[in-house]
Amino acid sequence: MVFVTTTKLTKIAFYCIIMTMHRYIRIKKQDYYPQTAAIFHNSEPYFPIIWHTATDQDKPIGSKSTFSEHIHDYYHIVIYSKGNGFYSRDGIFEAAEPGHCVLTHPGQKHDFASRMKSAVYSEITFSYQTPAEKNSKLTFNELLSKFAGTECCLKKTIILPRESQNTFHKYITQTTDYLNSTHPRALYYACWTLEHIFNYLIDNCCDQEQTSIVDDRITQIQIWIEQNYIDNLSMDDLAKKAGLSKGYFFRAFKKAFGIAPLSYQQQLRIEAAKTLLKTTSLRCNEIAYRVGFNDVYFFHRIFKKLVGLTPNQYRKTG
């Protein structure tokens, strides 16, 4: 029979806790940027840079400057899995309990360490940078909206079910494994996993009532205009098709898309004309008729107004 003292048991337990924590810390600049999960903002490409990951972190680790509320240019995705404690975001402390998913963005005050108590969490810390190392300042909602190509509004409080907690834990563990490996495509696989996390957040963690601000009737008319932009449309016909009053329809459409319905139609016609100018040898009057303009001179005037060039000048821009 083997006897183990309390001191030895304590040491064994301590070592077990340390072994369960799985981490990655970026120590050198990457030489290339996989384009997985990349976004464009203000005509510039931004690529994800993963700086730190941790699974099953059960105590404060890192710079003492992070043991209190602080601000930096990074994004955090934090998933609590065990115990209880507190985290702060925007200067407000809230309970950290199993299932809580906490997201912070650059410039947002936060603190995950000083009051974590018995809480255990996993996290990914990343930034978005241009090749010139300019950091993105987008909020998490703006980042996901860029990624999805549509407006995203995350719930203020995100609580994941057990199955999703396990999925997130798997993603963070996979990301850590990839980043700690020497595989030539390790960064690609890590960013690919981060993209999966974004997909989950977009599909499951957005407030549908706030995200789907646009009335479905308005959206259907937008689609109908896109499919019939060549035809002669009137405000009366569009409002009637939407089943709304003319005034309400006009205001709702402009609020949703930032442009009046018939102006939107004109914009679509001009975009179609630009495509034909670049890809065909059709004369301008033929293009005007093809995209729905019966008056060639009016076509020239609208084109110059929206594009800043005449159709012929635009065609010569190559």
C-alpha atoms as a PDB file:
ATOM      1  CA  MET A   1       0.000   0.000   0.000  1.00  0.00           C
ATOM      2  CA  VAL A   2       1.330   3.453  -0.918  1.00  0.00           C
ATOM      3  CA  PHE A   3       0.591   6.453   1.256  1.00  0.00           C
ATOM      4  CA  VAL A   4       0.593   9.971  -0.174  1.00  0.00           C
ATOM      5  CA  THR A   5       0.862  12.933   2.166  1.00  0.00           C
ATOM      6  CA  THR A   6      -1.440  15.953   2.002  1.00  0.00           C
ATOM      7  CA  THR A   7       1.477  18.050   0.823  1.00  0.00           C
ATOM      8  CA  LYS A   8       2.140  15.656  -2.015  1.00  0.00           C
ATOM      9  CA  LEU A   9      -1.543  15.591  -2.923  1.00  0.00           C
ATOM     10  CA  THR A  10      -1.560  19.378  -3.087  1.00  0.00           C
ATOM     11  CA  LYS A  11       1.474  19.356  -5.349  1.00  0.00           C
ATOM     12  CA  ILE A  12      -0.062  16.686  -7.581  1.00  0.00           C
ATOM     13  CA  ALA A  13      -3.296  18.679  -7.873  1.00  0.00           C
ATOM     14  CA  PHE A  14      -1.310  21.827  -8.679  1.00  0.00           C
ATOM     15  CA  TYR A  15       0.595  20.087 -11.439  1.00  0.00           C
ATOM     16  CA  CYS A  16      -2.652  18.673 -12.869  1.00  0.00           C
ATOM     17  CA  ILE A  17      -4.141  22.162 -13.059  1.00  0.00           C
ATOM     18  CA  ILE A  18      -1.050  23.492 -14.809  1.00  0.00           C
ATOM     19  CA  MET A  19      -1.160  20.634 -17.312  1.00  0.00           C
ATOM     20  CA  THR A  20      -4.757  21.296 -18.239  1.00  0.00           C
ATOM     21  CA  MET A  21      -3.932  24.847 -19.320  1.00  0.00           C
ATOM     22  CA  HIS A  22      -3.018  24.978 -22.997  1.00  0.00           C
ATOM     23  CA  ARG A  23      -1.586  28.214 -24.384  1.00  0.00           C
ATOM     24  CA  TYR A  24      -0.075  29.962 -27.359  1.00  0.00           C
ATOM     25  CA  ILE A  25       1.763  33.301 -27.281  1.00  0.00           C
ATOM     26  CA  ARG A  26       2.962  34.981 -30.458  1.00  0.00           C
ATOM     27  CA  ILE A  27       6.712  35.565 -30.186  1.00  0.00           C
ATOM     28  CA  LYS A  28       7.666  36.484 -33.747  1.00  0.00           C
ATOM     29  CA  LYS A  29       6.175  38.337 -36.675  1.00  0.00           C
ATOM     30  CA  GLN A  30       4.592  36.197 -39.347  1.00  0.00           C
ATOM     31  CA  ASP A  31       6.099  36.443 -42.808  1.00  0.00           C
ATOM     32  CA  TYR A  32       2.850  36.089 -44.707  1.00  0.00           C
ATOM     33  CA  TYR A  33      -0.872  36.654 -44.240  1.00  0.00           C
ATOM     34  CA  PRO A  34      -3.370  33.930 -45.126  1.00  0.00           C
ATOM     35  CA  GLN A  35      -6.400  35.627 -46.629  1.00  0.00           C
ATOM     36  CA  THR A  36      -8.824  33.420 -44.702  1.00  0.00           C
ATOM     37  CA  ALA A  37     -11.071  35.618 -42.491  1.00  0.00           C
ATOM     38  CA  ALA A  38      -9.613  38.777 -44.074  1.00  0.00           C
ATOM     39  CA  ILE A  39     -11.798  41.861 -44.515  1.00  0.00           C
ATOM     40  CA  PHE A  40     -11.664  45.116 -46.473  1.00  0.00           C
ATOM     41  CA  HIS A  41     -12.283  48.423 -44.716  1.00  0.00           C
ATOM     42  CA  ASN A  42     -11.943  51.845 -46.379  1.00  0.00           C
ATOM     43  CA  SER A  43     -10.450  50.083 -49.417  1.00  0.00           C
ATOM     44  CA  GLU A  44      -7.665  48.516 -47.341  1.00  0.00           C
ATOM     45  CA  PRO A  45      -7.187  44.807 -46.588  1.00  0.00           C
ATOM     46  CA  TYR A  46      -7.053  43.760 -42.937  1.00  0.00           C
ATOM     47  CA  PHE A  47      -5.805  40.345 -41.854  1.00  0.00           C
ATOM     48  CA  PRO A  48      -6.312  38.547 -38.529  1.00  0.00           C
ATOM     49  CA  ILE A  49      -3.241  38.338 -36.270  1.00  0.00           C
ATOM     50  CA  ILE A  50      -3.675  35.896 -33.387  1.00  0.00           C
ATOM     51  CA  TRP A  51      -1.563  37.016 -30.416  1.00  0.00           C
ATOM     52  CA  HIS A  52      -2.585  34.718 -27.622  1.00  0.00           C
ATOM     53  CA  THR A  53      -4.806  31.741 -26.872  1.00  0.00           C
ATOM     54  CA  ALA A  54      -5.521  29.873 -23.651  1.00  0.00           C
ATOM     55  CA  THR A  55      -7.742  26.937 -22.763  1.00  0.00           C
ATOM     56  CA  ASP A  56      -8.920  26.301 -19.202  1.00  0.00           C
ATOM     57  CA  GLN A  57      -7.156  29.315 -17.737  1.00  0.00           C
ATOM     58  CA  ASP A  58      -7.880  29.273 -14.000  1.00  0.00           C
ATOM     59  CA  LYS A  59      -5.688  32.084 -12.668  1.00  0.00           C
ATOM     60  CA  PRO A  60      -4.354  35.472 -13.821  1.00  0.00           C
ATOM     61  CA  ILE A  61      -1.378  35.026 -16.127  1.00  0.00           C
ATOM     62  CA  GLY A  62       0.573  37.643 -18.004  1.00  0.00           C
ATOM     63  CA  SER A  63       1.546  41.268 -17.550  1.00  0.00           C
ATOM     64  CA  LYS A  64       0.396  42.898 -14.311  1.00  0.00           C
ATOM     65  CA  SER A  65      -1.010  45.711 -16.428  1.00  0.00           C
ATOM     66  CA  THR A  66      -3.767  43.304 -17.466  1.00  0.00           C
ATOM     67  CA  PHE A  67      -4.781  42.545 -13.856  1.00  0.00           C
ATOM     68  CA  SER A  68      -7.011  45.618 -13.821  1.00  0.00           C
ATOM     69  CA  GLU A  69      -9.213  47.494 -16.277  1.00  0.00           C
ATOM     70  CA  HIS A  70      -7.205  48.353 -19.367  1.00  0.00           C
ATOM     71  CA  ILE A  71      -7.520  49.291 -23.052  1.00  0.00           C
ATOM     72  CA  HIS A  72      -5.594  48.085 -26.088  1.00  0.00           C
ATOM     73  CA  ASP A  73      -5.932  47.432 -29.837  1.00  0.00           C
ATOM     74  CA  TYR A  74      -6.906  43.778 -29.587  1.00  0.00           C
ATOM     75  CA  TYR A  75     -10.093  41.740 -29.784  1.00  0.00           C
ATOM     76  CA  HIS A  76     -10.949  39.146 -27.123  1.00  0.00           C
ATOM     77  CA  ILE A  77     -13.233  36.121 -27.368  1.00  0.00           C
ATOM     78  CA  VAL A  78     -13.614  34.667 -23.863  1.00  0.00           C
ATOM     79  CA  ILE A  79     -15.650  31.562 -22.946  1.00  0.00           C
ATOM     80  CA  TYR A  80     -16.234  30.714 -19.259  1.00  0.00           C
ATOM     81  CA  SER A  81     -16.504  26.986 -18.545  1.00  0.00           C
ATOM     82  CA  LYS A  82     -16.249  26.463 -14.746  1.00  0.00           C
ATOM     83  CA  GLY A  83     -16.466  28.262 -11.410  1.00  0.00           C
ATOM     84  CA  ASN A  84     -17.687  31.790 -10.759  1.00  0.00           C
ATOM     85  CA  GLY A  85     -16.224  35.244 -10.740  1.00  0.00           C
ATOM     86  CA  PHE A  86     -16.560  38.617 -12.415  1.00  0.00           C
ATOM     87  CA  TYR A  87     -15.362  40.378 -15.541  1.00  0.00           C
ATOM     88  CA  SER A  88     -15.633  44.040 -16.478  1.00  0.00           C
ATOM     89  CA  ARG A  89     -16.508  45.587 -19.807  1.00  0.00           C
ATOM     90  CA  ASP A  90     -16.898  49.333 -20.347  1.00  0.00           C
ATOM     91  CA  GLY A  91     -16.237  49.864 -16.638  1.00  0.00           C
ATOM     92  CA  ILE A  92     -19.092  47.625 -15.437  1.00  0.00           C
ATOM     93  CA  PHE A  93     -18.426  44.373 -13.564  1.00  0.00           C
ATOM     94  CA  GLU A  94     -20.734  41.472 -14.394  1.00  0.00           C
ATOM     95  CA  ALA A  95     -20.963  37.865 -13.197  1.00  0.00           C
ATOM     96  CA  ALA A  96     -18.748  35.378 -15.028  1.00  0.00           C
ATOM     97  CA  GLU A  97     -20.466  31.993 -15.018  1.00  0.00           C
ATOM     98  CA  PRO A  98     -20.180  28.825 -17.099  1.00  0.00           C
ATOM     99  CA  GLY A  99     -21.509  29.404 -20.599  1.00  0.00           C
ATOM    100  CA  HIS A 100     -20.889  33.149 -20.675  1.00  0.00           C
ATOM    101  CA  CYS A 101     -19.209  34.311 -23.880  1.00  0.00           C
ATOM    102  CA  VAL A 102     -17.648  37.771 -23.571  1.00  0.00           C
ATOM    103  CA  LEU A 103     -16.399  39.758 -26.563  1.00  0.00           C
ATOM    104  CA  THR A 104     -14.360  42.960 -26.441  1.00  0.00           C
ATOM    105  CA  HIS A 105     -12.942  45.122 -29.218  1.00  0.00           C
ATOM    106  CA  PRO A 106     -10.095  47.662 -29.601  1.00  0.00           C
ATOM    107  CA  GLY A 107     -10.475  50.690 -27.355  1.00  0.00           C
ATOM    108  CA  GLN A 108     -13.005  48.964 -25.095  1.00  0.00           C
ATOM    109  CA  LYS A 109     -12.142  48.978 -21.388  1.00  0.00           C
ATOM    110  CA  HIS A 110     -12.117  45.487 -19.868  1.00  0.00           C
ATOM    111  CA  ASP A 111     -10.736  43.301 -17.075  1.00  0.00           C
ATOM    112  CA  PHE A 112     -10.888  39.495 -16.979  1.00  0.00           C
ATOM    113  CA  ALA A 113      -8.274  38.844 -14.284  1.00  0.00           C
ATOM    114  CA  SER A 114      -8.595  40.930 -11.123  1.00  0.00           C
ATOM    115  CA  ARG A 115     -11.880  39.402  -9.923  1.00  0.00           C
ATOM    116  CA  MET A 116     -11.943  36.057 -11.693  1.00  0.00           C
ATOM    117  CA  LYS A 117     -12.038  34.154  -8.354  1.00  0.00           C
ATOM    118  CA  SER A 118     -12.770  30.489  -9.199  1.00  0.00           C
ATOM    119  CA  ALA A 119     -13.784  31.167 -12.812  1.00  0.00           C
ATOM    120  CA  VAL A 120     -12.098  29.139 -15.533  1.00  0.00           C
ATOM    121  CA  TYR A 121     -12.116  30.406 -19.104  1.00  0.00           C
ATOM    122  CA  SER A 122     -10.682  29.887 -22.570  1.00  0.00           C
ATOM    123  CA  GLU A 123      -9.816  32.776 -24.853  1.00  0.00           C
ATOM    124  CA  ILE A 124      -8.485  33.996 -28.160  1.00  0.00           C
ATOM    125  CA  THR A 125      -6.807  37.394 -28.380  1.00  0.00           C
ATOM    126  CA  PHE A 126      -6.330  38.771 -31.883  1.00  0.00           C
ATOM    127  CA  SER A 127      -6.120  41.962 -33.890  1.00  0.00           C
ATOM    128  CA  TYR A 128      -6.844  42.936 -37.474  1.00  0.00           C
ATOM    129  CA  GLN A 129      -3.954  44.647 -39.268  1.00  0.00           C
ATOM    130  CA  THR A 130      -3.044  45.920 -42.698  1.00  0.00           C
ATOM    131  CA  PRO A 131       0.256  44.749 -44.219  1.00  0.00           C
ATOM    132  CA  ALA A 132       1.639  48.089 -42.963  1.00  0.00           C
ATOM    133  CA  GLU A 133       0.596  47.026 -39.420  1.00  0.00           C
ATOM    134  CA  LYS A 134      -2.200  49.554 -39.038  1.00  0.00           C
ATOM    135  CA  ASN A 135      -4.664  48.167 -36.497  1.00  0.00           C
ATOM    136  CA  SER A 136      -8.391  47.985 -37.061  1.00  0.00           C
ATOM    137  CA  LYS A 137     -10.507  50.036 -34.642  1.00  0.00           C
ATOM    138  CA  LEU A 138     -13.785  48.409 -35.685  1.00  0.00           C
ATOM    139  CA  THR A 139     -16.182  47.282 -32.984  1.00  0.00           C
ATOM    140  CA  PHE A 140     -17.062  43.593 -32.851  1.00  0.00           C
ATOM    141  CA  ASN A 141     -20.435  44.327 -34.486  1.00  0.00           C
ATOM    142  CA  GLU A 142     -18.717  46.245 -37.286  1.00  0.00           C
ATOM    143  CA  LEU A 143     -16.110  43.514 -37.732  1.00  0.00           C
ATOM    144  CA  LEU A 144     -18.704  40.760 -38.035  1.00  0.00           C
ATOM    145  CA  SER A 145     -20.824  42.950 -40.332  1.00  0.00           C
ATOM    146  CA  LYS A 146     -17.821  43.347 -42.645  1.00  0.00           C
ATOM    147  CA  PHE A 147     -17.198  39.627 -42.489  1.00  0.00           C
ATOM    148  CA  ALA A 148     -20.837  38.699 -43.171  1.00  0.00           C
ATOM    149  CA  GLY A 149     -21.600  41.437 -45.682  1.00  0.00           C
ATOM    150  CA  THR A 150     -24.752  42.327 -43.746  1.00  0.00           C
ATOM    151  CA  GLU A 151     -25.553  44.132 -40.524  1.00  0.00           C
ATOM    152  CA  CYS A 152     -24.771  42.141 -37.363  1.00  0.00           C
ATOM    153  CA  CYS A 153     -25.797  43.202 -33.866  1.00  0.00           C
ATOM    154  CA  LEU A 154     -24.527  40.888 -31.123  1.00  0.00           C
ATOM    155  CA  LYS A 155     -26.604  40.257 -28.040  1.00  0.00           C
ATOM    156  CA  LYS A 156     -25.397  42.218 -25.032  1.00  0.00           C
ATOM    157  CA  THR A 157     -25.236  39.019 -22.971  1.00  0.00           C
ATOM    158  CA  ILE A 158     -24.266  35.778 -24.720  1.00  0.00           C
ATOM    159  CA  ILE A 159     -24.790  32.506 -22.848  1.00  0.00           C
ATOM    160  CA  LEU A 160     -23.832  29.381 -24.741  1.00  0.00           C
ATOM    161  CA  PRO A 161     -25.484  25.984 -24.218  1.00  0.00           C
ATOM    162  CA  ARG A 162     -23.226  23.131 -23.106  1.00  0.00           C
ATOM    163  CA  GLU A 163     -22.811  21.718 -26.609  1.00  0.00           C
ATOM    164  CA  SER A 164     -21.722  25.104 -27.946  1.00  0.00           C
ATOM    165  CA  GLN A 165     -19.315  25.579 -25.041  1.00  0.00           C
ATOM    166  CA  ASN A 166     -17.676  22.314 -26.034  1.00  0.00           C
ATOM    167  CA  THR A 167     -17.538  23.431 -29.658  1.00  0.00           C
ATOM    168  CA  PHE A 168     -15.869  26.722 -28.738  1.00  0.00           C
ATOM    169  CA  HIS A 169     -13.421  24.905 -26.466  1.00  0.00           C
ATOM    170  CA  LYS A 170     -12.571  22.597 -29.373  1.00  0.00           C
ATOM    171  CA  TYR A 171     -12.052  25.554 -31.716  1.00  0.00           C
ATOM    172  CA  ILE A 172      -9.738  27.344 -29.289  1.00  0.00           C
ATOM    173  CA  THR A 173      -7.788  24.136 -28.619  1.00  0.00           C
ATOM    174  CA  GLN A 174      -7.447  23.510 -32.351  1.00  0.00           C
ATOM    175  CA  THR A 175      -6.278  27.082 -32.915  1.00  0.00           C
ATOM    176  CA  THR A 176      -3.669  26.698 -30.175  1.00  0.00           C
ATOM    177  CA  ASP A 177      -2.448  23.403 -31.616  1.00  0.00           C
ATOM    178  CA  TYR A 178      -2.154  24.873 -35.100  1.00  0.00           C
ATOM    179  CA  LEU A 179      -0.266  27.932 -33.914  1.00  0.00           C
ATOM    180  CA  ASN A 180       2.150  25.858 -31.828  1.00  0.00           C
ATOM    181  CA  SER A 181       2.915  23.581 -34.769  1.00  0.00           C
ATOM    182  CA  THR A 182       5.534  23.991 -37.488  1.00  0.00           C
ATOM    183  CA  HIS A 183       3.173  22.986 -40.288  1.00  0.00           C
ATOM    184  CA  PRO A 184       3.601  25.305 -43.304  1.00  0.00           C
ATOM    185  CA  ARG A 185      -0.147  25.968 -43.398  1.00  0.00           C
ATOM    186  CA  ALA A 186      -0.538  26.387 -39.624  1.00  0.00           C
ATOM    187  CA  LEU A 187      -1.572  30.044 -39.854  1.00  0.00           C
ATOM    188  CA  TYR A 188      -4.117  29.241 -42.534  1.00  0.00           C
ATOM    189  CA  TYR A 189      -5.715  26.536 -40.389  1.00  0.00           C
ATOM    190  CA  ALA A 190      -5.738  28.811 -37.328  1.00  0.00           C
ATOM    191  CA  CYS A 191      -7.461  31.600 -39.269  1.00  0.00           C
ATOM    192  CA  TRP A 192      -9.851  29.060 -40.787  1.00  0.00           C
ATOM    193  CA  THR A 193     -10.845  28.028 -37.250  1.00  0.00           C
ATOM    194  CA  LEU A 194     -11.283  31.676 -36.236  1.00  0.00           C
ATOM    195  CA  GLU A 195     -13.589  32.032 -39.236  1.00  0.00           C
ATOM    196  CA  HIS A 196     -15.686  29.150 -37.884  1.00  0.00           C
ATOM    197  CA  ILE A 197     -16.039  31.010 -34.584  1.00  0.00           C
ATOM    198  CA  PHE A 198     -17.197  34.107 -36.463  1.00  0.00           C
ATOM    199  CA  ASN A 199     -19.737  31.991 -38.346  1.00  0.00           C
ATOM    200  CA  TYR A 200     -21.146  30.673 -35.083  1.00  0.00           C
ATOM    201  CA  LEU A 201     -21.390  34.170 -33.571  1.00  0.00           C
ATOM    202  CA  ILE A 202     -23.159  35.508 -36.662  1.00  0.00           C
ATOM    203  CA  ASP A 203     -25.618  32.597 -36.864  1.00  0.00           C
ATOM    204  CA  ASN A 204     -26.380  32.157 -33.166  1.00  0.00           C
ATOM    205  CA  CYS A 205     -25.411  35.193 -31.102  1.00  0.00           C
ATOM    206  CA  CYS A 206     -26.897  38.157 -32.939  1.00  0.00           C
ATOM    207  CA  ASP A 207     -30.039  39.908 -31.749  1.00  0.00           C
ATOM    208  CA  GLN A 208     -32.516  39.133 -34.508  1.00  0.00           C
ATOM    209  CA  GLU A 209     -34.874  41.943 -33.534  1.00  0.00           C
ATOM    210  CA  GLN A 210     -32.096  44.508 -33.897  1.00  0.00           C
ATOM    211  CA  THR A 211     -30.332  42.869 -36.826  1.00  0.00           C
ATOM    212  CA  SER A 212     -33.497  42.452 -38.893  1.00  0.00           C
ATOM    213  CA  ILE A 213     -34.465  46.086 -38.638  1.00  0.00           C
ATOM    214  CA  VAL A 214     -35.581  46.184 -42.275  1.00  0.00           C
ATOM    215  CA  ASP A 215     -39.230  45.290 -42.831  1.00  0.00           C
ATOM    216  CA  ASP A 216     -39.423  42.131 -44.955  1.00  0.00           C
ATOM    217  CA  ARG A 217     -41.830  43.923 -47.301  1.00  0.00           C
ATOM    218  CA  ILE A 218     -39.205  46.592 -47.936  1.00  0.00           C
ATOM    219  CA  THR A 219     -36.506  43.994 -48.535  1.00  0.00           C
ATOM    220  CA  GLN A 220     -38.722  42.177 -51.025  1.00  0.00           C
ATOM    221  CA  ILE A 221     -39.269  45.404 -52.971  1.00  0.00           C
ATOM    222  CA  GLN A 222     -35.513  46.050 -53.004  1.00  0.00           C
ATOM    223  CA  ILE A 223     -35.003  42.607 -54.550  1.00  0.00           C
ATOM    224  CA  TRP A 224     -37.853  43.199 -57.003  1.00  0.00           C
ATOM    225  CA  ILE A 225     -36.290  46.511 -58.128  1.00  0.00           C
ATOM    226  CA  GLU A 226     -32.957  44.729 -58.684  1.00  0.00           C
ATOM    227  CA  GLN A 227     -34.694  42.151 -60.869  1.00  0.00           C
ATOM    228  CA  ASN A 228     -36.747  44.717 -62.823  1.00  0.00           C
ATOM    229  CA  TYR A 229     -34.567  47.843 -62.880  1.00  0.00           C
ATOM    230  CA  ILE A 230     -34.933  48.154 -66.659  1.00  0.00           C
ATOM    231  CA  ASP A 231     -38.710  48.632 -66.422  1.00  0.00           C
ATOM    232  CA  ASN A 232     -40.504  51.915 -65.863  1.00  0.00           C
ATOM    233  CA  LEU A 233     -41.291  51.937 -62.128  1.00  0.00           C
ATOM    234  CA  SER A 234     -43.336  54.426 -60.145  1.00  0.00           C
ATOM    235  CA  MET A 235     -43.584  55.156 -56.440  1.00  0.00           C
ATOM    236  CA  ASP A 236     -47.293  54.341 -56.527  1.00  0.00           C
ATOM    237  CA  ASP A 237     -46.686  50.915 -58.060  1.00  0.00           C
ATOM    238  CA  LEU A 238     -43.864  50.071 -55.641  1.00  0.00           C
ATOM    239  CA  ALA A 239     -45.826  51.143 -52.576  1.00  0.00           C
ATOM    240  CA  LYS A 240     -48.859  49.196 -53.773  1.00  0.00           C
ATOM    241  CA  LYS A 241     -46.738  46.108 -54.367  1.00  0.00           C
ATOM    242  CA  ALA A 242     -45.373  46.410 -50.807  1.00  0.00           C
ATOM    243  CA  GLY A 243     -48.900  46.868 -49.425  1.00  0.00           C
ATOM    244  CA  LEU A 244     -47.909  50.166 -47.800  1.00  0.00           C
ATOM    245  CA  SER A 245     -48.871  53.795 -48.153  1.00  0.00           C
ATOM    246  CA  LYS A 246     -46.708  55.762 -50.551  1.00  0.00           C
ATOM    247  CA  GLY A 247     -45.326  58.042 -47.829  1.00  0.00           C
ATOM    248  CA  TYR A 248     -44.534  55.239 -45.380  1.00  0.00           C
ATOM    249  CA  PHE A 249     -42.935  53.107 -48.092  1.00  0.00           C
ATOM    250  CA  PHE A 250     -40.684  55.958 -49.251  1.00  0.00           C
ATOM    251  CA  ARG A 251     -39.506  56.763 -45.710  1.00  0.00           C
ATOM    252  CA  ALA A 252     -38.998  53.112 -44.752  1.00  0.00           C
ATOM    253  CA  PHE A 253     -37.021  52.306 -47.907  1.00  0.00           C
ATOM    254  CA  LYS A 254     -34.763  55.339 -47.543  1.00  0.00           C
ATOM    255  CA  LYS A 255     -34.166  54.630 -43.853  1.00  0.00           C
ATOM    256  CA  ALA A 256     -33.291  51.011 -44.589  1.00  0.00           C
ATOM    257  CA  PHE A 257     -30.998  51.531 -47.563  1.00  0.00           C
ATOM    258  CA  GLY A 258     -29.950  55.175 -47.383  1.00  0.00           C
ATOM    259  CA  ILE A 259     -31.398  56.010 -50.787  1.00  0.00           C
ATOM    260  CA  ALA A 260     -34.825  56.697 -52.300  1.00  0.00           C
ATOM    261  CA  PRO A 261     -36.418  53.797 -54.252  1.00  0.00           C
ATOM    262  CA  LEU A 262     -36.266  55.379 -57.714  1.00  0.00           C
ATOM    263  CA  SER A 263     -32.758  56.705 -57.068  1.00  0.00           C
ATOM    264  CA  TYR A 264     -31.798  53.141 -56.214  1.00  0.00           C
ATOM    265  CA  GLN A 265     -33.208  52.048 -59.568  1.00  0.00           C
ATOM    266  CA  GLN A 266     -31.165  54.733 -61.351  1.00  0.00           C
ATOM    267  CA  GLN A 267     -28.062  53.571 -59.497  1.00  0.00           C
ATOM    268  CA  LEU A 268     -28.621  49.993 -60.650  1.00  0.00           C
ATOM    269  CA  ARG A 269     -29.081  51.153 -64.245  1.00  0.00           C
ATOM    270  CA  ILE A 270     -25.822  53.104 -64.160  1.00  0.00           C
ATOM    271  CA  GLU A 271     -23.930  50.151 -62.646  1.00  0.00           C
ATOM    272  CA  ALA A 272     -25.253  47.956 -65.450  1.00  0.00           C
ATOM    273  CA  ALA A 273     -24.214  50.599 -67.998  1.00  0.00           C
ATOM    274  CA  LYS A 274     -20.694  50.708 -66.522  1.00  0.00           C
ATOM    275  CA  THR A 275     -20.431  46.952 -66.966  1.00  0.00           C
ATOM    276  CA  LEU A 276     -21.537  47.150 -70.607  1.00  0.00           C
ATOM    277  CA  LEU A 277     -19.133  50.024 -71.310  1.00  0.00           C
ATOM    278  CA  LYS A 278     -16.227  47.946 -70.013  1.00  0.00           C
ATOM    279  CA  THR A 279     -17.165  44.587 -71.491  1.00  0.00           C
ATOM    280  CA  THR A 280     -18.797  45.364 -74.864  1.00  0.00           C
ATOM    281  CA  SER A 281     -18.324  47.588 -77.898  1.00  0.00           C
ATOM    282  CA  LEU A 282     -21.944  48.751 -77.896  1.00  0.00           C
ATOM    283  CA  ARG A 283     -22.562  52.433 -78.639  1.00  0.00           C
ATOM    284  CA  CYS A 284     -23.712  54.632 -75.773  1.00  0.00           C
ATOM    285  CA  ASN A 285     -27.231  55.018 -77.131  1.00  0.00           C
ATOM    286  CA  GLU A 286     -27.563  51.226 -77.382  1.00  0.00           C
ATOM    287  CA  ILE A 287     -26.353  50.828 -73.808  1.00  0.00           C
ATOM    288  CA  ALA A 288     -28.782  53.494 -72.628  1.00  0.00           C
ATOM    289  CA  TYR A 289     -31.735  51.601 -74.093  1.00  0.00           C
ATOM    290  CA  ARG A 290     -30.521  48.256 -72.776  1.00  0.00           C
ATOM    291  CA  VAL A 291     -30.413  49.471 -69.178  1.00  0.00           C
ATOM    292  CA  GLY A 292     -33.811  51.170 -69.332  1.00  0.00           C
ATOM    293  CA  PHE A 293     -33.221  54.780 -70.450  1.00  0.00           C
ATOM    294  CA  ASN A 294     -35.483  55.951 -73.287  1.00  0.00           C
ATOM    295  CA  ASP A 295     -33.792  59.358 -73.401  1.00  0.00           C
ATOM    296  CA  VAL A 296     -30.077  59.139 -74.315  1.00  0.00           C
ATOM    297  CA  TYR A 297     -29.384  62.707 -73.185  1.00  0.00           C
ATOM    298  CA  PHE A 298     -30.938  61.975 -69.791  1.00  0.00           C
ATOM    299  CA  PHE A 299     -28.752  58.849 -69.585  1.00  0.00           C
ATOM    300  CA  HIS A 300     -25.620  60.946 -70.205  1.00  0.00           C
ATOM    301  CA  ARG A 301     -26.681  63.473 -67.557  1.00  0.00           C
ATOM    302  CA  ILE A 302     -27.409  60.862 -64.875  1.00  0.00           C
ATOM    303  CA  PHE A 303     -24.230  58.947 -65.700  1.00  0.00           C
ATOM    304  CA  LYS A 304     -22.060  62.074 -65.356  1.00  0.00           C
ATOM    305  CA  LYS A 305     -23.820  62.995 -62.105  1.00  0.00           C
ATOM    306  CA  LEU A 306     -23.279  59.597 -60.467  1.00  0.00           C
ATOM    307  CA  VAL A 307     -19.899  58.608 -61.921  1.00  0.00           C
ATOM    308  CA  GLY A 308     -18.231  61.975 -62.417  1.00  0.00           C
ATOM    309  CA  LEU A 309     -17.334  61.096 -66.014  1.00  0.00           C
ATOM    310  CA  THR A 310     -19.217  60.871 -69.288  1.00  0.00           C
ATOM    311  CA  PRO A 311     -19.868  57.328 -70.582  1.00  0.00           C
ATOM    312  CA  ASN A 312     -17.116  57.677 -73.204  1.00  0.00           C
ATOM    313  CA  GLN A 313     -14.642  59.028 -70.659  1.00  0.00           C
ATOM    314  CA  TYR A 314     -15.446  56.129 -68.347  1.00  0.00           C
ATOM    315  CA  ARG A 315     -14.922  53.597 -71.137  1.00  0.00           C
ATOM    316  CA  LYS A 316     -11.433  55.007 -71.795  1.00  0.00           C
ATOM    317  CA  THR A 317     -10.356  54.592 -68.157  1.00  0.00           C
ATOM    318  CA  GLY A 318      -9.568  50.951 -68.973  1.00  0.00           C
END
